[in-house]
């Protein structure tokens, strides 16, 4: 699966109406979200008989949220997004996707140069093969 497919799924199902992107967030918006291929390293887990015998692929993703100059509303939105994905199973292109959160809550990143609050949500998508 590609980042765009996950972004599109989120936009439709969460009903996100603000700025949304992949790879680069719009720093000119006070309400924006971006999906990134995660920089977290996952341990390689080999499969006996090779990749064709594996039942899932893992796609680690980082979601960056920029959300207002109000800490409470930013934290609430980060938590809503976290809860949206937590334990979720869904389909993209007839492939089942299982969600596993990397941390127990959204990660507070502080504010940017414009004093807009930012949060990171780290998750792994297990894509059925």
N, C-alpha and C. Protein backbone atom coordinates (compact mmCIF):
# COMPACT_ATOMS: atom_id res chain seq x y z
N UNK A 1 0.84 -1.19 0.00
CA UNK A 1 0.00 0.00 0.00
C UNK A 1 0.88 1.25 0.00
N UNK A 2 0.33 2.29 -0.54
CA UNK A 2 1.04 3.57 -0.57
C UNK A 2 0.46 4.55 0.47
N UNK A 3 1.26 5.52 0.85
CA UNK A 3 0.81 6.52 1.81
C UNK A 3 -0.50 7.18 1.37
N UNK A 4 -0.61 7.49 0.09
CA UNK A 4 -1.79 8.16 -0.44
C UNK A 4 -3.05 7.36 -0.13
N UNK A 5 -2.97 6.05 -0.20
CA UNK A 5 -4.15 5.23 0.08
C UNK A 5 -4.58 5.35 1.54
N UNK A 6 -3.61 5.39 2.45
CA UNK A 6 -3.93 5.57 3.86
C UNK A 6 -4.47 6.98 4.12
N UNK A 7 -3.87 7.96 3.50
CA UNK A 7 -4.34 9.35 3.65
C UNK A 7 -5.77 9.47 3.15
N UNK A 8 -6.06 8.92 1.98
CA UNK A 8 -7.40 8.99 1.41
C UNK A 8 -8.42 8.28 2.28
N UNK A 9 -8.03 7.14 2.82
CA UNK A 9 -8.93 6.39 3.72
C UNK A 9 -9.26 7.25 4.94
N UNK A 10 -8.23 7.84 5.56
CA UNK A 10 -8.44 8.67 6.74
C UNK A 10 -9.34 9.86 6.41
N UNK A 11 -9.06 10.54 5.33
CA UNK A 11 -9.83 11.73 4.94
C UNK A 11 -11.31 11.39 4.80
N UNK A 12 -11.60 10.29 4.17
CA UNK A 12 -12.99 9.89 3.94
C UNK A 12 -13.67 9.41 5.22
N UNK A 13 -13.03 8.50 5.93
CA UNK A 13 -13.68 7.85 7.08
C UNK A 13 -13.70 8.74 8.34
N UNK A 14 -12.67 9.55 8.54
CA UNK A 14 -12.63 10.45 9.68
C UNK A 14 -13.40 11.74 9.37
N UNK A 15 -13.61 11.96 8.09
CA UNK A 15 -14.27 13.18 7.58
C UNK A 15 -13.42 14.43 7.87
N UNK A 16 -12.12 14.29 7.56
CA UNK A 16 -11.17 15.39 7.74
C UNK A 16 -11.40 16.41 6.63
N UNK A 17 -11.59 17.68 6.98
CA UNK A 17 -11.88 18.71 5.98
C UNK A 17 -10.78 19.76 5.87
N UNK A 18 -9.77 19.68 6.73
CA UNK A 18 -8.68 20.66 6.68
C UNK A 18 -7.56 20.14 5.80
N UNK A 19 -6.44 20.85 5.76
CA UNK A 19 -5.31 20.49 4.91
C UNK A 19 -4.80 19.09 5.24
N UNK A 20 -4.59 18.29 4.19
CA UNK A 20 -4.09 16.92 4.37
C UNK A 20 -3.11 16.62 3.24
N UNK A 21 -2.01 15.94 3.58
CA UNK A 21 -0.98 15.69 2.58
C UNK A 21 -0.17 14.45 2.94
N UNK A 22 0.74 14.09 2.03
CA UNK A 22 1.71 13.04 2.30
C UNK A 22 3.10 13.62 2.03
N UNK A 23 4.05 13.26 2.88
CA UNK A 23 5.44 13.63 2.64
C UNK A 23 5.88 15.00 3.09
N UNK A 24 4.98 15.99 3.07
CA UNK A 24 5.34 17.35 3.49
C UNK A 24 4.08 18.05 3.98
N UNK A 25 4.14 18.56 5.20
CA UNK A 25 2.98 19.23 5.78
C UNK A 25 2.92 20.68 5.32
N UNK A 26 1.72 21.22 5.24
CA UNK A 26 1.54 22.63 4.86
C UNK A 26 1.72 23.49 6.11
N UNK A 27 2.90 24.10 6.24
CA UNK A 27 3.21 24.92 7.42
C UNK A 27 2.49 26.26 7.42
N UNK A 28 1.76 26.57 6.37
CA UNK A 28 1.00 27.82 6.31
C UNK A 28 -0.39 27.68 6.90
N UNK A 29 -0.78 26.47 7.26
CA UNK A 29 -2.13 26.22 7.80
C UNK A 29 -2.04 25.94 9.29
N UNK A 30 -3.01 26.48 10.04
CA UNK A 30 -3.07 26.22 11.48
C UNK A 30 -3.67 24.86 11.78
N UNK A 31 -4.36 24.27 10.79
CA UNK A 31 -4.94 22.94 10.94
C UNK A 31 -4.50 22.11 9.75
N UNK A 32 -3.56 21.21 9.99
CA UNK A 32 -3.03 20.39 8.89
C UNK A 32 -2.60 19.05 9.44
N UNK A 33 -2.65 18.06 8.56
CA UNK A 33 -2.20 16.72 8.91
C UNK A 33 -1.41 16.16 7.74
N UNK A 34 -0.38 15.37 8.06
CA UNK A 34 0.45 14.79 7.00
C UNK A 34 0.83 13.36 7.38
N UNK A 35 0.80 12.48 6.38
CA UNK A 35 1.20 11.09 6.54
C UNK A 35 2.61 10.91 5.97
N UNK A 36 3.49 10.30 6.76
CA UNK A 36 4.88 10.06 6.37
C UNK A 36 5.21 8.57 6.49
N UNK A 37 6.09 8.08 5.63
CA UNK A 37 6.69 6.78 5.88
C UNK A 37 7.55 6.95 7.12
N UNK A 38 7.35 6.11 8.10
CA UNK A 38 7.99 6.29 9.39
C UNK A 38 9.49 6.07 9.32
N UNK A 39 10.19 6.81 10.14
CA UNK A 39 11.63 6.65 10.28
C UNK A 39 11.97 5.67 11.40
N UNK A 40 10.94 5.19 12.10
CA UNK A 40 11.19 4.18 13.13
C UNK A 40 11.66 2.90 12.46
N UNK A 41 12.69 2.33 12.97
CA UNK A 41 13.17 1.08 12.40
C UNK A 41 12.42 -0.11 12.97
N UNK A 42 11.95 -0.97 12.11
CA UNK A 42 11.34 -2.21 12.55
C UNK A 42 12.35 -3.32 12.38
N UNK A 43 12.42 -4.21 13.33
CA UNK A 43 13.31 -5.36 13.20
C UNK A 43 12.83 -6.22 12.04
N UNK A 44 13.76 -6.69 11.26
CA UNK A 44 13.42 -7.57 10.16
C UNK A 44 13.04 -8.93 10.74
N UNK A 45 11.89 -9.42 10.34
CA UNK A 45 11.46 -10.75 10.76
C UNK A 45 11.34 -11.58 9.49
N UNK A 46 12.27 -12.46 9.31
CA UNK A 46 12.26 -13.31 8.12
C UNK A 46 11.16 -14.35 8.20
N UNK A 47 10.85 -14.92 7.08
CA UNK A 47 9.83 -15.95 6.99
C UNK A 47 10.44 -17.19 6.36
N UNK A 48 10.21 -18.31 6.98
CA UNK A 48 10.70 -19.56 6.40
C UNK A 48 10.07 -19.73 5.02
N UNK A 49 10.90 -19.99 4.04
CA UNK A 49 10.40 -20.16 2.68
C UNK A 49 10.30 -18.86 1.91
N UNK A 50 10.67 -17.73 2.53
CA UNK A 50 10.69 -16.45 1.83
C UNK A 50 9.39 -15.67 1.92
N UNK A 51 9.41 -14.51 1.29
CA UNK A 51 8.31 -13.55 1.35
C UNK A 51 6.98 -14.15 0.89
N UNK A 52 7.00 -15.06 -0.06
CA UNK A 52 5.75 -15.63 -0.56
C UNK A 52 5.00 -16.42 0.50
N UNK A 53 5.68 -16.82 1.57
CA UNK A 53 5.02 -17.56 2.65
C UNK A 53 4.58 -16.67 3.81
N UNK A 54 4.82 -15.38 3.69
CA UNK A 54 4.43 -14.44 4.73
C UNK A 54 2.97 -14.06 4.53
N UNK A 55 2.22 -13.92 5.62
CA UNK A 55 0.80 -13.58 5.50
C UNK A 55 0.52 -12.09 5.58
N UNK A 56 1.47 -11.30 6.10
CA UNK A 56 1.28 -9.86 6.19
C UNK A 56 2.56 -9.11 5.85
N UNK A 57 2.40 -7.88 5.39
CA UNK A 57 3.50 -6.93 5.27
C UNK A 57 3.23 -5.84 6.31
N UNK A 58 4.27 -5.19 6.78
CA UNK A 58 4.11 -4.14 7.79
C UNK A 58 4.52 -2.80 7.18
N UNK A 59 3.67 -1.80 7.33
CA UNK A 59 3.98 -0.45 6.86
C UNK A 59 3.94 0.49 8.06
N UNK A 60 5.11 0.92 8.57
CA UNK A 60 5.14 1.88 9.67
C UNK A 60 4.89 3.29 9.14
N UNK A 61 3.99 4.00 9.79
CA UNK A 61 3.61 5.35 9.36
C UNK A 61 3.65 6.31 10.54
N UNK A 62 4.07 7.54 10.26
CA UNK A 62 4.00 8.64 11.22
C UNK A 62 2.96 9.63 10.70
N UNK A 63 2.05 10.01 11.57
CA UNK A 63 1.08 11.04 11.24
C UNK A 63 1.45 12.28 12.04
N UNK A 64 1.70 13.38 11.34
CA UNK A 64 2.03 14.64 11.99
C UNK A 64 0.79 15.53 11.95
N UNK A 65 0.39 16.01 13.12
CA UNK A 65 -0.75 16.91 13.25
C UNK A 65 -0.29 18.28 13.70
N UNK A 66 -0.65 19.30 12.94
CA UNK A 66 -0.50 20.72 13.34
C UNK A 66 -1.91 21.19 13.62
N UNK A 67 -2.15 21.71 14.83
CA UNK A 67 -3.54 22.01 15.13
C UNK A 67 -3.68 23.17 16.10
N UNK A 68 -3.87 24.32 15.60
CA UNK A 68 -4.22 25.55 16.32
C UNK A 68 -3.16 25.99 17.33
N UNK A 69 -3.40 27.16 17.87
CA UNK A 69 -2.52 27.73 18.89
C UNK A 69 -3.09 27.49 20.28
N UNK A 70 -4.07 26.60 20.36
CA UNK A 70 -4.70 26.26 21.63
C UNK A 70 -4.30 24.84 22.00
N UNK A 71 -3.57 24.70 23.09
CA UNK A 71 -3.03 23.40 23.47
C UNK A 71 -4.13 22.38 23.72
N UNK A 72 -5.21 22.77 24.39
CA UNK A 72 -6.26 21.82 24.73
C UNK A 72 -6.96 21.28 23.48
N UNK A 73 -7.30 22.15 22.54
CA UNK A 73 -7.98 21.65 21.33
C UNK A 73 -7.03 20.80 20.48
N UNK A 74 -5.74 21.14 20.48
CA UNK A 74 -4.76 20.33 19.74
C UNK A 74 -4.64 18.94 20.36
N UNK A 75 -4.57 18.89 21.68
CA UNK A 75 -4.46 17.60 22.35
C UNK A 75 -5.72 16.76 22.14
N UNK A 76 -6.88 17.40 22.18
CA UNK A 76 -8.13 16.68 21.95
C UNK A 76 -8.18 16.08 20.54
N UNK A 77 -7.76 16.86 19.54
CA UNK A 77 -7.78 16.35 18.17
C UNK A 77 -6.77 15.22 18.00
N UNK A 78 -5.59 15.36 18.57
CA UNK A 78 -4.60 14.28 18.49
C UNK A 78 -5.15 13.00 19.10
N UNK A 79 -5.84 13.12 20.22
CA UNK A 79 -6.41 11.95 20.87
C UNK A 79 -7.53 11.34 20.03
N UNK A 80 -8.35 12.17 19.39
CA UNK A 80 -9.43 11.66 18.51
C UNK A 80 -8.84 10.85 17.34
N UNK A 81 -7.77 11.36 16.76
CA UNK A 81 -7.13 10.66 15.64
C UNK A 81 -6.52 9.35 16.12
N UNK A 82 -5.86 9.40 17.28
CA UNK A 82 -5.28 8.19 17.87
C UNK A 82 -6.37 7.14 18.08
N UNK A 83 -7.48 7.54 18.69
CA UNK A 83 -8.58 6.61 18.97
C UNK A 83 -9.24 6.11 17.69
N UNK A 84 -9.25 6.93 16.65
CA UNK A 84 -9.80 6.50 15.36
C UNK A 84 -9.04 5.29 14.84
N UNK A 85 -7.73 5.31 14.93
CA UNK A 85 -6.91 4.23 14.38
C UNK A 85 -6.69 3.07 15.37
N UNK A 86 -6.75 3.32 16.66
CA UNK A 86 -6.42 2.31 17.65
C UNK A 86 -7.29 1.06 17.50
N UNK A 87 -6.64 -0.08 17.25
CA UNK A 87 -7.34 -1.35 17.14
C UNK A 87 -8.20 -1.50 15.90
N UNK A 88 -8.09 -0.59 14.95
CA UNK A 88 -8.95 -0.59 13.76
C UNK A 88 -8.52 -1.65 12.76
N UNK A 89 -9.51 -2.28 12.17
CA UNK A 89 -9.33 -3.18 11.04
C UNK A 89 -10.20 -2.65 9.91
N UNK A 90 -9.63 -2.54 8.71
CA UNK A 90 -10.38 -1.99 7.58
C UNK A 90 -9.84 -2.57 6.29
N UNK A 91 -10.45 -2.21 5.19
CA UNK A 91 -10.04 -2.71 3.88
C UNK A 91 -9.64 -1.57 2.96
N UNK A 92 -8.58 -1.76 2.21
CA UNK A 92 -8.18 -0.89 1.10
C UNK A 92 -7.92 -1.81 -0.08
N UNK A 93 -8.58 -1.53 -1.18
CA UNK A 93 -8.43 -2.36 -2.39
C UNK A 93 -8.58 -3.85 -2.08
N UNK A 94 -9.60 -4.20 -1.32
CA UNK A 94 -9.94 -5.58 -0.97
C UNK A 94 -8.88 -6.27 -0.11
N UNK A 95 -7.92 -5.52 0.42
CA UNK A 95 -6.92 -6.09 1.32
C UNK A 95 -7.23 -5.63 2.74
N UNK A 96 -7.23 -6.59 3.66
CA UNK A 96 -7.52 -6.26 5.04
C UNK A 96 -6.29 -5.65 5.69
N UNK A 97 -6.51 -4.60 6.47
CA UNK A 97 -5.45 -3.88 7.17
C UNK A 97 -5.76 -3.93 8.67
N UNK A 98 -4.75 -4.30 9.45
CA UNK A 98 -4.85 -4.30 10.90
C UNK A 98 -3.95 -3.18 11.42
N UNK A 99 -4.39 -2.48 12.44
CA UNK A 99 -3.63 -1.36 12.98
C UNK A 99 -3.05 -1.69 14.34
N UNK A 100 -1.77 -1.36 14.52
CA UNK A 100 -1.10 -1.52 15.81
C UNK A 100 -0.43 -0.19 16.15
N UNK A 101 -0.79 0.37 17.28
CA UNK A 101 -0.20 1.64 17.70
C UNK A 101 1.20 1.38 18.26
N UNK A 102 2.14 2.25 17.95
CA UNK A 102 3.52 2.08 18.42
C UNK A 102 3.71 2.58 19.85
N UNK A 103 2.88 3.53 20.27
CA UNK A 103 2.97 4.11 21.61
C UNK A 103 1.58 4.16 22.22
N UNK A 104 1.51 4.39 23.52
CA UNK A 104 0.23 4.35 24.23
C UNK A 104 -0.60 5.62 24.08
N UNK A 105 -0.07 6.63 23.41
CA UNK A 105 -0.81 7.88 23.20
C UNK A 105 -0.09 8.71 22.14
N UNK A 106 -0.73 9.80 21.68
CA UNK A 106 -0.03 10.70 20.75
C UNK A 106 1.20 11.31 21.45
N UNK A 107 2.20 11.67 20.64
CA UNK A 107 3.43 12.25 21.18
C UNK A 107 3.40 13.77 21.00
N UNK A 108 3.51 14.48 22.10
CA UNK A 108 3.51 15.94 22.07
C UNK A 108 4.87 16.42 21.56
N UNK A 109 4.88 17.24 20.51
CA UNK A 109 6.12 17.73 19.91
C UNK A 109 6.39 19.19 20.24
N UNK A 110 5.47 19.85 20.93
CA UNK A 110 5.64 21.27 21.25
C UNK A 110 4.96 22.13 20.21
N UNK A 111 5.50 23.35 20.04
CA UNK A 111 4.94 24.27 19.06
C UNK A 111 6.00 24.58 18.00
N UNK A 112 5.54 25.01 16.83
CA UNK A 112 6.47 25.41 15.78
C UNK A 112 6.78 26.90 15.92
N UNK A 113 7.42 27.48 14.93
CA UNK A 113 7.81 28.90 14.97
C UNK A 113 6.61 29.84 15.01
N UNK A 114 5.45 29.35 14.60
CA UNK A 114 4.23 30.16 14.59
C UNK A 114 3.37 29.89 15.82
N UNK A 115 3.91 29.13 16.77
CA UNK A 115 3.20 28.74 18.00
C UNK A 115 1.99 27.85 17.76
N UNK A 116 2.00 27.08 16.68
CA UNK A 116 0.96 26.09 16.40
C UNK A 116 1.41 24.78 17.04
N UNK A 117 0.51 24.15 17.78
CA UNK A 117 0.83 22.91 18.47
C UNK A 117 0.93 21.74 17.50
N UNK A 118 1.89 20.85 17.79
CA UNK A 118 2.11 19.69 16.92
C UNK A 118 2.16 18.41 17.75
N UNK A 119 1.58 17.36 17.16
CA UNK A 119 1.58 16.03 17.75
C UNK A 119 1.96 15.02 16.68
N UNK A 120 2.57 13.92 17.13
CA UNK A 120 2.91 12.82 16.24
C UNK A 120 2.15 11.58 16.71
N UNK A 121 1.64 10.83 15.75
CA UNK A 121 0.98 9.57 16.04
C UNK A 121 1.73 8.50 15.24
N UNK A 122 2.28 7.53 15.95
CA UNK A 122 3.10 6.49 15.34
C UNK A 122 2.31 5.18 15.33
N UNK A 123 2.22 4.57 14.15
CA UNK A 123 1.48 3.32 14.06
C UNK A 123 2.03 2.43 12.97
N UNK A 124 1.69 1.17 13.08
CA UNK A 124 2.08 0.18 12.09
C UNK A 124 0.81 -0.40 11.48
N UNK A 125 0.79 -0.45 10.16
CA UNK A 125 -0.31 -1.09 9.47
C UNK A 125 0.16 -2.46 9.00
N UNK A 126 -0.54 -3.48 9.41
CA UNK A 126 -0.28 -4.86 8.97
C UNK A 126 -1.20 -5.13 7.80
N UNK A 127 -0.61 -5.28 6.63
CA UNK A 127 -1.36 -5.43 5.39
C UNK A 127 -1.43 -6.91 5.04
N UNK A 128 -2.65 -7.43 4.97
CA UNK A 128 -2.83 -8.82 4.60
C UNK A 128 -2.39 -9.02 3.15
N UNK A 129 -1.67 -10.10 2.89
CA UNK A 129 -1.15 -10.35 1.54
C UNK A 129 -2.13 -11.13 0.71
